[in-house]
Amino acid sequence: MTALILAQAAGGGFDTRLLIVWGLIIVVFYMFMIRPQVKKQKDQKKFADELKKGDKVITTSGMHGKVIDIADNTVLLETEGGHKIRFNKSAISIDESKALNAPVVTK
């Protein structure tokens, strides 16, 4: 890369093809890396905002539970053993019914 820049500086010319290539690299990087991550964050926030009592959910740590109370930024879950545990809304990962119906991917 440095050699290419030095060669252009010595030649004195500006190659628009290099600018187009860098532009394409940036567009591809945005399309495959940044945009999907932003969409995933929006979907996760929407899911956390739509939680209601009685929903069966799975946390990011893998804990399964039923929502029994929702506060500002926290959710109280009841596990199968009857234990009640409070989590941040951001720790709630997915609806349990969606996780159980997800297709299994094998290699």
PDB file of N, CA and C in Angstrom:
ATOM      1  N   MET A   1       0.831  -1.188   0.000  1.00  0.00           N
ATOM      2  CA  MET A   1       0.000   0.000   0.000  1.00  0.00           C
ATOM      3  C   MET A   1       0.877   1.255   0.000  1.00  0.00           C
ATOM      4  N   THR A   2       1.875   1.271   0.866  1.00  0.00           N
ATOM      5  CA  THR A   2       2.772   2.415   0.939  1.00  0.00           C
ATOM      6  C   THR A   2       3.544   2.578  -0.367  1.00  0.00           C
ATOM      7  N   ALA A   3       3.943   1.454  -0.948  1.00  0.00           N
ATOM      8  CA  ALA A   3       4.680   1.509  -2.215  1.00  0.00           C
ATOM      9  C   ALA A   3       3.806   2.088  -3.319  1.00  0.00           C
ATOM     10  N   LEU A   4       2.519   1.764  -3.296  1.00  0.00           N
ATOM     11  CA  LEU A   4       1.597   2.283  -4.300  1.00  0.00           C
ATOM     12  C   LEU A   4       1.439   3.797  -4.159  1.00  0.00           C
ATOM     13  N   ILE A   5       1.340   4.256  -2.932  1.00  0.00           N
ATOM     14  CA  ILE A   5       1.215   5.700  -2.690  1.00  0.00           C
ATOM     15  C   ILE A   5       2.485   6.424  -3.124  1.00  0.00           C
ATOM     16  N   LEU A   6       3.639   5.856  -2.793  1.00  0.00           N
ATOM     17  CA  LEU A   6       4.909   6.472  -3.188  1.00  0.00           C
ATOM     18  C   LEU A   6       5.064   6.477  -4.699  1.00  0.00           C
ATOM     19  N   ALA A   7       4.610   5.405  -5.365  1.00  0.00           N
ATOM     20  CA  ALA A   7       4.716   5.345  -6.823  1.00  0.00           C
ATOM     21  C   ALA A   7       3.823   6.398  -7.463  1.00  0.00           C
ATOM     22  N   GLN A   8       2.656   6.629  -6.895  1.00  0.00           N
ATOM     23  CA  GLN A   8       1.767   7.657  -7.432  1.00  0.00           C
ATOM     24  C   GLN A   8       2.348   9.046  -7.189  1.00  0.00           C
ATOM     25  N   ALA A   9       2.957   9.238  -6.018  1.00  0.00           N
ATOM     26  CA  ALA A   9       3.547  10.544  -5.726  1.00  0.00           C
ATOM     27  C   ALA A   9       4.717  10.816  -6.671  1.00  0.00           C
ATOM     28  N   ALA A  10       5.479   9.792  -6.982  1.00  0.00           N
ATOM     29  CA  ALA A  10       6.617   9.975  -7.887  1.00  0.00           C
ATOM     30  C   ALA A  10       6.134  10.195  -9.317  1.00  0.00           C
ATOM     31  N   GLY A  11       5.072   9.506  -9.714  1.00  0.00           N
ATOM     32  CA  GLY A  11       4.553   9.637 -11.069  1.00  0.00           C
ATOM     33  C   GLY A  11       3.779  10.927 -11.260  1.00  0.00           C
ATOM     34  N   GLY A  12       3.257  11.452 -10.188  1.00  0.00           N
ATOM     35  CA  GLY A  12       2.546  12.713 -10.264  1.00  0.00           C
ATOM     36  C   GLY A  12       1.113  12.591 -10.743  1.00  0.00           C
ATOM     37  N   GLY A  13       0.658  11.396 -11.105  1.00  0.00           N
ATOM     38  CA  GLY A  13      -0.697  11.236 -11.606  1.00  0.00           C
ATOM     39  C   GLY A  13      -1.634  10.712 -10.522  1.00  0.00           C
ATOM     40  N   PHE A  14      -2.925  10.972 -10.730  1.00  0.00           N
ATOM     41  CA  PHE A  14      -3.935  10.482  -9.802  1.00  0.00           C
ATOM     42  C   PHE A  14      -4.763   9.431 -10.524  1.00  0.00           C
ATOM     43  N   ASP A  15      -4.803   8.261  -9.961  1.00  0.00           N
ATOM     44  CA  ASP A  15      -5.526   7.150 -10.584  1.00  0.00           C
ATOM     45  C   ASP A  15      -6.922   7.052  -9.974  1.00  0.00           C
ATOM     46  N   THR A  16      -7.940   7.337 -10.774  1.00  0.00           N
ATOM     47  CA  THR A  16      -9.313   7.289 -10.270  1.00  0.00           C
ATOM     48  C   THR A  16      -9.759   5.857 -10.012  1.00  0.00           C
ATOM     49  N   ARG A  17      -9.101   4.893 -10.647  1.00  0.00           N
ATOM     50  CA  ARG A  17      -9.455   3.489 -10.403  1.00  0.00           C
ATOM     51  C   ARG A  17      -9.202   3.102  -8.952  1.00  0.00           C
ATOM     52  N   LEU A  18      -8.134   3.627  -8.377  1.00  0.00           N
ATOM     53  CA  LEU A  18      -7.828   3.349  -6.973  1.00  0.00           C
ATOM     54  C   LEU A  18      -8.923   3.915  -6.075  1.00  0.00           C
ATOM     55  N   LEU A  19      -9.391   5.090  -6.387  1.00  0.00           N
ATOM     56  CA  LEU A  19     -10.471   5.703  -5.615  1.00  0.00           C
ATOM     57  C   LEU A  19     -11.748   4.869  -5.731  1.00  0.00           C
ATOM     58  N   ILE A  20     -12.044   4.351  -6.903  1.00  0.00           N
ATOM     59  CA  ILE A  20     -13.226   3.513  -7.108  1.00  0.00           C
ATOM     60  C   ILE A  20     -13.102   2.206  -6.324  1.00  0.00           C
ATOM     61  N   VAL A  21     -11.925   1.614  -6.342  1.00  0.00           N
ATOM     62  CA  VAL A  21     -11.705   0.364  -5.607  1.00  0.00           C
ATOM     63  C   VAL A  21     -11.914   0.581  -4.113  1.00  0.00           C
ATOM     64  N   TRP A  22     -11.341   1.648  -3.573  1.00  0.00           N
ATOM     65  CA  TRP A  22     -11.518   1.942  -2.142  1.00  0.00           C
ATOM     66  C   TRP A  22     -12.977   2.236  -1.826  1.00  0.00           C
ATOM     67  N   GLY A  23     -13.652   2.914  -2.713  1.00  0.00           N
ATOM     68  CA  GLY A  23     -15.074   3.176  -2.514  1.00  0.00           C
ATOM     69  C   GLY A  23     -15.878   1.884  -2.467  1.00  0.00           C
ATOM     70  N   LEU A  24     -15.571   0.953  -3.357  1.00  0.00           N
ATOM     71  CA  LEU A  24     -16.256  -0.342  -3.369  1.00  0.00           C
ATOM     72  C   LEU A  24     -15.961  -1.147  -2.106  1.00  0.00           C
ATOM     73  N   ILE A  25     -14.739  -1.081  -1.631  1.00  0.00           N
ATOM     74  CA  ILE A  25     -14.379  -1.780  -0.395  1.00  0.00           C
ATOM     75  C   ILE A  25     -15.193  -1.237   0.776  1.00  0.00           C
ATOM     76  N   ILE A  26     -15.326   0.075   0.843  1.00  0.00           N
ATOM     77  CA  ILE A  26     -16.095   0.693   1.924  1.00  0.00           C
ATOM     78  C   ILE A  26     -17.574   0.308   1.831  1.00  0.00           C
ATOM     79  N   VAL A  27     -18.133   0.312   0.627  1.00  0.00           N
ATOM     80  CA  VAL A  27     -19.544  -0.062   0.441  1.00  0.00           C
ATOM     81  C   VAL A  27     -19.775  -1.515   0.844  1.00  0.00           C
ATOM     82  N   VAL A  28     -18.909  -2.414   0.412  1.00  0.00           N
ATOM     83  CA  VAL A  28     -19.048  -3.830   0.759  1.00  0.00           C
ATOM     84  C   VAL A  28     -18.920  -4.020   2.268  1.00  0.00           C
ATOM     85  N   PHE A  29     -17.965  -3.350   2.884  1.00  0.00           N
ATOM     86  CA  PHE A  29     -17.786  -3.436   4.334  1.00  0.00           C
ATOM     87  C   PHE A  29     -19.050  -2.976   5.043  1.00  0.00           C
ATOM     88  N   TYR A  30     -19.645  -1.882   4.584  1.00  0.00           N
ATOM     89  CA  TYR A  30     -20.865  -1.370   5.201  1.00  0.00           C
ATOM     90  C   TYR A  30     -22.013  -2.366   5.031  1.00  0.00           C
ATOM     91  N   MET A  31     -22.177  -2.901   3.832  1.00  0.00           N
ATOM     92  CA  MET A  31     -23.301  -3.795   3.546  1.00  0.00           C
ATOM     93  C   MET A  31     -23.222  -5.102   4.326  1.00  0.00           C
ATOM     94  N   PHE A  32     -22.026  -5.642   4.500  1.00  0.00           N
ATOM     95  CA  PHE A  32     -21.900  -6.948   5.138  1.00  0.00           C
ATOM     96  C   PHE A  32     -21.532  -6.909   6.610  1.00  0.00           C
ATOM     97  N   MET A  33     -21.070  -5.777   7.127  1.00  0.00           N
ATOM     98  CA  MET A  33     -20.639  -5.732   8.524  1.00  0.00           C
ATOM     99  C   MET A  33     -21.474  -4.770   9.372  1.00  0.00           C
ATOM    100  N   ILE A  34     -21.615  -3.559   8.938  1.00  0.00           N
ATOM    101  CA  ILE A  34     -22.238  -2.532   9.774  1.00  0.00           C
ATOM    102  C   ILE A  34     -23.757  -2.605   9.730  1.00  0.00           C
ATOM    103  N   ARG A  35     -24.334  -2.656   8.548  1.00  0.00           N
ATOM    104  CA  ARG A  35     -25.789  -2.626   8.398  1.00  0.00           C
ATOM    105  C   ARG A  35     -26.498  -3.782   9.111  1.00  0.00           C
ATOM    106  N   PRO A  36     -26.025  -5.036   8.976  1.00  0.00           N
ATOM    107  CA  PRO A  36     -26.694  -6.124   9.697  1.00  0.00           C
ATOM    108  C   PRO A  36     -26.610  -5.974  11.215  1.00  0.00           C
ATOM    109  N   GLN A  37     -25.494  -5.455  11.717  1.00  0.00           N
ATOM    110  CA  GLN A  37     -25.340  -5.274  13.164  1.00  0.00           C
ATOM    111  C   GLN A  37     -26.313  -4.220  13.681  1.00  0.00           C
ATOM    112  N   VAL A  38     -26.483  -3.120  12.953  1.00  0.00           N
ATOM    113  CA  VAL A  38     -27.416  -2.066  13.359  1.00  0.00           C
ATOM    114  C   VAL A  38     -28.845  -2.603  13.336  1.00  0.00           C
ATOM    115  N   LYS A  39     -29.187  -3.389  12.319  1.00  0.00           N
ATOM    116  CA  LYS A  39     -30.530  -3.976  12.232  1.00  0.00           C
ATOM    117  C   LYS A  39     -30.771  -4.927  13.400  1.00  0.00           C
ATOM    118  N   LYS A  40     -29.789  -5.722  13.748  1.00  0.00           N
ATOM    119  CA  LYS A  40     -29.917  -6.658  14.867  1.00  0.00           C
ATOM    120  C   LYS A  40     -30.125  -5.902  16.180  1.00  0.00           C
ATOM    121  N   GLN A  41     -29.406  -4.805  16.384  1.00  0.00           N
ATOM    122  CA  GLN A  41     -29.564  -4.008  17.594  1.00  0.00           C
ATOM    123  C   GLN A  41     -30.957  -3.398  17.671  1.00  0.00           C
ATOM    124  N   LYS A  42     -31.481  -2.915  16.543  1.00  0.00           N
ATOM    125  CA  LYS A  42     -32.834  -2.343  16.529  1.00  0.00           C
ATOM    126  C   LYS A  42     -33.875  -3.402  16.851  1.00  0.00           C
ATOM    127  N   ASP A  43     -33.725  -4.587  16.261  1.00  0.00           N
ATOM    128  CA  ASP A  43     -34.665  -5.677  16.521  1.00  0.00           C
ATOM    129  C   ASP A  43     -34.630  -6.101  17.990  1.00  0.00           C
ATOM    130  N   GLN A  44     -33.431  -6.155  18.576  1.00  0.00           N
ATOM    131  CA  GLN A  44     -33.290  -6.537  19.987  1.00  0.00           C
ATOM    132  C   GLN A  44     -33.945  -5.507  20.897  1.00  0.00           C
ATOM    133  N   LYS A  45     -33.766  -4.232  20.598  1.00  0.00           N
ATOM    134  CA  LYS A  45     -34.381  -3.177  21.407  1.00  0.00           C
ATOM    135  C   LYS A  45     -35.899  -3.225  21.290  1.00  0.00           C
ATOM    136  N   LYS A  46     -36.398  -3.447  20.077  1.00  0.00           N
ATOM    137  CA  LYS A  46     -37.843  -3.551  19.870  1.00  0.00           C
ATOM    138  C   LYS A  46     -38.406  -4.731  20.661  1.00  0.00           C
ATOM    139  N   PHE A  47     -37.713  -5.875  20.631  1.00  0.00           N
ATOM    140  CA  PHE A  47     -38.149  -7.053  21.376  1.00  0.00           C
ATOM    141  C   PHE A  47     -38.197  -6.765  22.873  1.00  0.00           C
ATOM    142  N   ALA A  48     -37.158  -6.113  23.395  1.00  0.00           N
ATOM    143  CA  ALA A  48     -37.118  -5.807  24.830  1.00  0.00           C
ATOM    144  C   ALA A  48     -38.223  -4.829  25.218  1.00  0.00           C
ATOM    145  N   ASP A  49     -38.541  -3.889  24.348  1.00  0.00           N
ATOM    146  CA  ASP A  49     -39.595  -2.920  24.649  1.00  0.00           C
ATOM    147  C   ASP A  49     -40.992  -3.543  24.596  1.00  0.00           C
ATOM    148  N   GLU A  50     -41.162  -4.624  23.834  1.00  0.00           N
ATOM    149  CA  GLU A  50     -42.467  -5.252  23.682  1.00  0.00           C
ATOM    150  C   GLU A  50     -42.717  -6.402  24.657  1.00  0.00           C
ATOM    151  N   LEU A  51     -41.782  -6.631  25.596  1.00  0.00           N
ATOM    152  CA  LEU A  51     -41.981  -7.693  26.575  1.00  0.00           C
ATOM    153  C   LEU A  51     -43.216  -7.415  27.416  1.00  0.00           C
ATOM    154  N   LYS A  52     -43.925  -8.490  27.776  1.00  0.00           N
ATOM    155  CA  LYS A  52     -45.099  -8.342  28.637  1.00  0.00           C
ATOM    156  C   LYS A  52     -45.142  -9.516  29.611  1.00  0.00           C
ATOM    157  N   LYS A  53     -45.931  -9.379  30.648  1.00  0.00           N
ATOM    158  CA  LYS A  53     -46.061 -10.433  31.643  1.00  0.00           C
ATOM    159  C   LYS A  53     -46.588 -11.698  30.989  1.00  0.00           C
ATOM    160  N   GLY A  54     -46.020 -12.820  31.401  1.00  0.00           N
ATOM    161  CA  GLY A  54     -46.447 -14.109  30.875  1.00  0.00           C
ATOM    162  C   GLY A  54     -45.605 -14.618  29.718  1.00  0.00           C
ATOM    163  N   ASP A  55     -44.773 -13.770  29.120  1.00  0.00           N
ATOM    164  CA  ASP A  55     -43.905 -14.210  28.022  1.00  0.00           C
ATOM    165  C   ASP A  55     -42.856 -15.188  28.550  1.00  0.00           C
ATOM    166  N   LYS A  56     -42.614 -16.244  27.804  1.00  0.00           N
ATOM    167  CA  LYS A  56     -41.546 -17.179  28.141  1.00  0.00           C
ATOM    168  C   LYS A  56     -40.335 -16.789  27.300  1.00  0.00           C
ATOM    169  N   VAL A  57     -39.225 -16.525  27.966  1.00  0.00           N
ATOM    170  CA  VAL A  57     -38.046 -15.993  27.291  1.00  0.00           C
ATOM    171  C   VAL A  57     -36.788 -16.762  27.685  1.00  0.00           C
ATOM    172  N   ILE A  58     -35.726 -16.495  26.937  1.00  0.00           N
ATOM    173  CA  ILE A  58     -34.406 -17.029  27.232  1.00  0.00           C
ATOM    174  C   ILE A  58     -33.450 -15.854  27.336  1.00  0.00           C
ATOM    175  N   THR A  59     -32.619 -15.839  28.368  1.00  0.00           N
ATOM    176  CA  THR A  59     -31.656 -14.756  28.543  1.00  0.00           C
ATOM    177  C   THR A  59     -30.406 -15.029  27.708  1.00  0.00           C
ATOM    178  N   THR A  60     -29.522 -14.041  27.638  1.00  0.00           N
ATOM    179  CA  THR A  60     -28.284 -14.199  26.877  1.00  0.00           C
ATOM    180  C   THR A  60     -27.382 -15.261  27.509  1.00  0.00           C
ATOM    181  N   SER A  61     -27.566 -15.517  28.804  1.00  0.00           N
ATOM    182  CA  SER A  61     -26.755 -16.543  29.476  1.00  0.00           C
ATOM    183  C   SER A  61     -27.377 -17.926  29.358  1.00  0.00           C
ATOM    184  N   GLY A  62     -28.581 -18.025  28.752  1.00  0.00           N
ATOM    185  CA  GLY A  62     -29.206 -19.317  28.547  1.00  0.00           C
ATOM    186  C   GLY A  62     -30.259 -19.677  29.577  1.00  0.00           C
ATOM    187  N   MET A  63     -30.582 -18.777  30.493  1.00  0.00           N
ATOM    188  CA  MET A  63     -31.590 -19.044  31.518  1.00  0.00           C
ATOM    189  C   MET A  63     -32.985 -18.941  30.901  1.00  0.00           C
ATOM    190  N   HIS A  64     -33.809 -19.966  31.125  1.00  0.00           N
ATOM    191  CA  HIS A  64     -35.188 -19.973  30.642  1.00  0.00           C
ATOM    192  C   HIS A  64     -36.090 -19.517  31.779  1.00  0.00           C
ATOM    193  N   GLY A  65     -37.063 -18.689  31.456  1.00  0.00           N
ATOM    194  CA  GLY A  65     -37.979 -18.231  32.492  1.00  0.00           C
ATOM    195  C   GLY A  65     -39.213 -17.575  31.921  1.00  0.00           C
ATOM    196  N   LYS A  66     -40.134 -17.274  32.825  1.00  0.00           N
ATOM    197  CA  LYS A  66     -41.396 -16.629  32.466  1.00  0.00           C
ATOM    198  C   LYS A  66     -41.406 -15.243  33.096  1.00  0.00           C
ATOM    199  N   VAL A  67     -41.749 -14.224  32.319  1.00  0.00           N
ATOM    200  CA  VAL A  67     -41.768 -12.845  32.800  1.00  0.00           C
ATOM    201  C   VAL A  67     -42.942 -12.692  33.769  1.00  0.00           C
ATOM    202  N   ILE A  68     -42.638 -12.244  35.005  1.00  0.00           N
ATOM    203  CA  ILE A  68     -43.717 -12.019  35.961  1.00  0.00           C
ATOM    204  C   ILE A  68     -43.839 -10.561  36.375  1.00  0.00           C
ATOM    205  N   ASP A  69     -42.803  -9.757  36.094  1.00  0.00           N
ATOM    206  CA  ASP A  69     -42.874  -8.329  36.411  1.00  0.00           C
ATOM    207  C   ASP A  69     -41.886  -7.580  35.528  1.00  0.00           C
ATOM    208  N   ILE A  70     -42.289  -6.382  35.115  1.00  0.00           N
ATOM    209  CA  ILE A  70     -41.423  -5.546  34.282  1.00  0.00           C
ATOM    210  C   ILE A  70     -41.323  -4.179  34.930  1.00  0.00           C
ATOM    211  N   ALA A  71     -40.096  -3.732  35.181  1.00  0.00           N
ATOM    212  CA  ALA A  71     -39.845  -2.382  35.700  1.00  0.00           C
ATOM    213  C   ALA A  71     -39.235  -1.560  34.562  1.00  0.00           C
ATOM    214  N   ASP A  72     -38.657  -0.413  34.891  1.00  0.00           N
ATOM    215  CA  ASP A  72     -38.093   0.463  33.855  1.00  0.00           C
ATOM    216  C   ASP A  72     -37.085  -0.264  32.970  1.00  0.00           C
ATOM    217  N   ASN A  73     -36.008  -0.728  33.562  1.00  0.00           N
ATOM    218  CA  ASN A  73     -34.955  -1.382  32.791  1.00  0.00           C
ATOM    219  C   ASN A  73     -34.729  -2.822  33.212  1.00  0.00           C
ATOM    220  N   THR A  74     -35.588  -3.361  34.067  1.00  0.00           N
ATOM    221  CA  THR A  74     -35.391  -4.715  34.553  1.00  0.00           C
ATOM    222  C   THR A  74     -36.631  -5.572  34.331  1.00  0.00           C
ATOM    223  N   VAL A  75     -36.397  -6.875  34.335  1.00  0.00           N
ATOM    224  CA  VAL A  75     -37.462  -7.857  34.160  1.00  0.00           C
ATOM    225  C   VAL A  75     -37.278  -8.917  35.239  1.00  0.00           C
ATOM    226  N   LEU A  76     -38.376  -9.273  35.917  1.00  0.00           N
ATOM    227  CA  LEU A  76     -38.339 -10.326  36.921  1.00  0.00           C
ATOM    228  C   LEU A  76     -38.811 -11.610  36.265  1.00  0.00           C
ATOM    229  N   LEU A  77     -37.932 -12.635  36.276  1.00  0.00           N
ATOM    230  CA  LEU A  77     -38.253 -13.920  35.664  1.00  0.00           C
ATOM    231  C   LEU A  77     -38.463 -14.971  36.737  1.00  0.00           C
ATOM    232  N   GLU A  78     -39.376 -15.885  36.455  1.00  0.00           N
ATOM    233  CA  GLU A  78     -39.588 -17.036  37.326  1.00  0.00           C
ATOM    234  C   GLU A  78     -39.121 -18.265  36.572  1.00  0.00           C
ATOM    235  N   THR A  79     -38.217 -19.035  37.189  1.00  0.00           N
ATOM    236  CA  THR A  79     -37.697 -20.239  36.556  1.00  0.00           C
ATOM    237  C   THR A  79     -38.596 -21.415  36.878  1.00  0.00           C
ATOM    238  N   GLU A  80     -38.303 -22.582  36.295  1.00  0.00           N
ATOM    239  CA  GLU A  80     -39.116 -23.771  36.520  1.00  0.00           C
ATOM    240  C   GLU A  80     -39.143 -24.193  37.983  1.00  0.00           C
ATOM    241  N   GLY A  81     -38.076 -23.946  38.691  1.00  0.00           N
ATOM    242  CA  GLY A  81     -38.014 -24.318  40.107  1.00  0.00           C
ATOM    243  C   GLY A  81     -38.752 -23.352  41.009  1.00  0.00           C
ATOM    244  N   GLY A  82     -39.349 -22.317  40.446  1.00  0.00           N
ATOM    245  CA  GLY A  82     -40.078 -21.343  41.240  1.00  0.00           C
ATOM    246  C   GLY A  82     -39.209 -20.197  41.738  1.00  0.00           C
ATOM    247  N   HIS A  83     -37.945 -20.177  41.347  1.00  0.00           N
ATOM    248  CA  HIS A  83     -37.045 -19.104  41.767  1.00  0.00           C
ATOM    249  C   HIS A  83     -37.328 -17.852  40.947  1.00  0.00           C
ATOM    250  N   LYS A  84     -37.204 -16.714  41.599  1.00  0.00           N
ATOM    251  CA  LYS A  84     -37.417 -15.440  40.906  1.00  0.00           C
ATOM    252  C   LYS A  84     -36.081 -14.720  40.807  1.00  0.00           C
ATOM    253  N   ILE A  85     -35.751 -14.323  39.598  1.00  0.00           N
ATOM    254  CA  ILE A  85     -34.465 -13.672  39.340  1.00  0.00           C
ATOM    255  C   ILE A  85     -34.722 -12.429  38.508  1.00  0.00           C
ATOM    256  N   ARG A  86     -34.058 -11.319  38.878  1.00  0.00           N
ATOM    257  CA  ARG A  86     -34.222 -10.061  38.151  1.00  0.00           C
ATOM    258  C   ARG A  86     -33.058  -9.882  37.176  1.00  0.00           C
ATOM    259  N   PHE A  87     -33.402  -9.551  35.925  1.00  0.00           N
ATOM    260  CA  PHE A  87     -32.411  -9.316  34.868  1.00  0.00           C
ATOM    261  C   PHE A  87     -32.633  -7.939  34.267  1.00  0.00           C
ATOM    262  N   ASN A  88     -31.587  -7.380  33.667  1.00  0.00           N
ATOM    263  CA  ASN A  88     -31.749  -6.188  32.842  1.00  0.00           C
ATOM    264  C   ASN A  88     -32.492  -6.582  31.579  1.00  0.00           C
ATOM    265  N   LYS A  89     -33.260  -5.651  31.024  1.00  0.00           N
ATOM    266  CA  LYS A  89     -33.980  -5.942  29.780  1.00  0.00           C
ATOM    267  C   LYS A  89     -33.012  -6.325  28.663  1.00  0.00           C
ATOM    268  N   SER A  90     -31.839  -5.735  28.671  1.00  0.00           N
ATOM    269  CA  SER A  90     -30.873  -6.018  27.613  1.00  0.00           C
ATOM    270  C   SER A  90     -30.349  -7.454  27.682  1.00  0.00           C
ATOM    271  N   ALA A  91     -30.543  -8.132  28.812  1.00  0.00           N
ATOM    272  CA  ALA A  91     -30.075  -9.512  28.955  1.00  0.00           C
ATOM    273  C   ALA A  91     -31.093 -10.521  28.424  1.00  0.00           C
ATOM    274  N   ILE A  92     -32.293 -10.064  28.078  1.00  0.00           N
ATOM    275  CA  ILE A  92     -33.299 -10.966  27.520  1.00  0.00           C
ATOM    276  C   ILE A  92     -32.990 -11.130  26.039  1.00  0.00           C
ATOM    277  N   SER A  93     -32.774 -12.368  25.624  1.00  0.00           N
ATOM    278  CA  SER A  93     -32.291 -12.614  24.276  1.00  0.00           C
ATOM    279  C   SER A  93     -33.396 -12.884  23.269  1.00  0.00           C
ATOM    280  N   ILE A  94     -34.277 -13.838  23.565  1.00  0.00           N
ATOM    281  CA  ILE A  94     -35.226 -14.279  22.548  1.00  0.00           C
ATOM    282  C   ILE A  94     -36.451 -14.886  23.217  1.00  0.00           C
ATOM    283  N   ASP A  95     -37.548 -14.882  22.494  1.00  0.00           N
ATOM    284  CA  ASP A  95     -38.768 -15.541  22.941  1.00  0.00           C
ATOM    285  C   ASP A  95     -38.536 -17.054  22.871  1.00  0.00           C
ATOM    286  N   GLU A  96     -38.917 -17.760  23.914  1.00  0.00           N
ATOM    287  CA  GLU A  96     -38.639 -19.203  23.981  1.00  0.00           C
ATOM    288  C   GLU A  96     -39.304 -19.975  22.848  1.00  0.00           C
ATOM    289  N   SER A  97     -40.496 -19.577  22.446  1.00  0.00           N
ATOM    290  CA  SER A  97     -41.179 -20.301  21.364  1.00  0.00           C
ATOM    291  C   SER A  97     -40.425 -20.159  20.041  1.00  0.00           C
ATOM    292  N   LYS A  98     -39.816 -19.000  19.810  1.00  0.00           N
ATOM    293  CA  LYS A  98     -39.028 -18.813  18.587  1.00  0.00           C
ATOM    294  C   LYS A  98     -37.754 -19.648  18.633  1.00  0.00           C
ATOM    295  N   ALA A  99     -37.148 -19.755  19.813  1.00  0.00           N
ATOM    296  CA  ALA A  99     -35.921 -20.527  19.947  1.00  0.00           C
ATOM    297  C   ALA A  99     -36.180 -22.012  19.749  1.00  0.00           C
ATOM    298  N   LEU A 100     -37.323 -22.501  20.245  1.00  0.00           N
ATOM    299  CA  LEU A 100     -37.627 -23.923  20.110  1.00  0.00           C
ATOM    300  C   LEU A 100     -38.035 -24.294  18.698  1.00  0.00           C
ATOM    301  N   ASN A 101     -38.567 -23.345  17.942  1.00  0.00           N
ATOM    302  CA  ASN A 101     -38.992 -23.610  16.569  1.00  0.00           C
ATOM    303  C   ASN A 101     -37.923 -23.295  15.539  1.00  0.00           C
ATOM    304  N   ALA A 102     -36.765 -22.849  15.984  1.00  0.00           N
ATOM    305  CA  ALA A 102     -35.692 -22.488  15.063  1.00  0.00           C
ATOM    306  C   ALA A 102     -35.153 -23.729  14.375  1.00  0.00           C
ATOM    307  N   PRO A 103     -34.811 -23.640  13.090  1.00  0.00           N
ATOM    308  CA  PRO A 103     -34.261 -24.796  12.390  1.00  0.00           C
ATOM    309  C   PRO A 103     -32.878 -25.148  12.908  1.00  0.00           C
ATOM    310  N   VAL A 104     -32.582 -26.437  12.947  1.00  0.00           N
ATOM    311  CA  VAL A 104     -31.287 -26.906  13.400  1.00  0.00           C
ATOM    312  C   VAL A 104     -30.353 -26.959  12.205  1.00  0.00           C
ATOM    313  N   VAL A 105     -29.189 -26.327  12.338  1.00  0.00           N
ATOM    314  CA  VAL A 105     -28.207 -26.285  11.251  1.00  0.00           C
ATOM    315  C   VAL A 105     -27.103 -27.272  11.567  1.00  0.00           C
ATOM    316  N   THR A 106     -26.871 -28.207  10.663  1.00  0.00           N
ATOM    317  CA  THR A 106     -25.796 -29.172  10.838  1.00  0.00           C
ATOM    318  C   THR A 106     -24.808 -29.027   9.693  1.00  0.00           C
ATOM    319  N   LYS A 107     -23.581 -29.351   9.982  1.00  0.00           N
ATOM    320  CA  LYS A 107     -22.530 -29.237   8.961  1.00  0.00           C
ATOM    321  C   LYS A 107     -22.167 -30.593   8.433  1.00  0.00           C
TER     322      LYS A 107
END
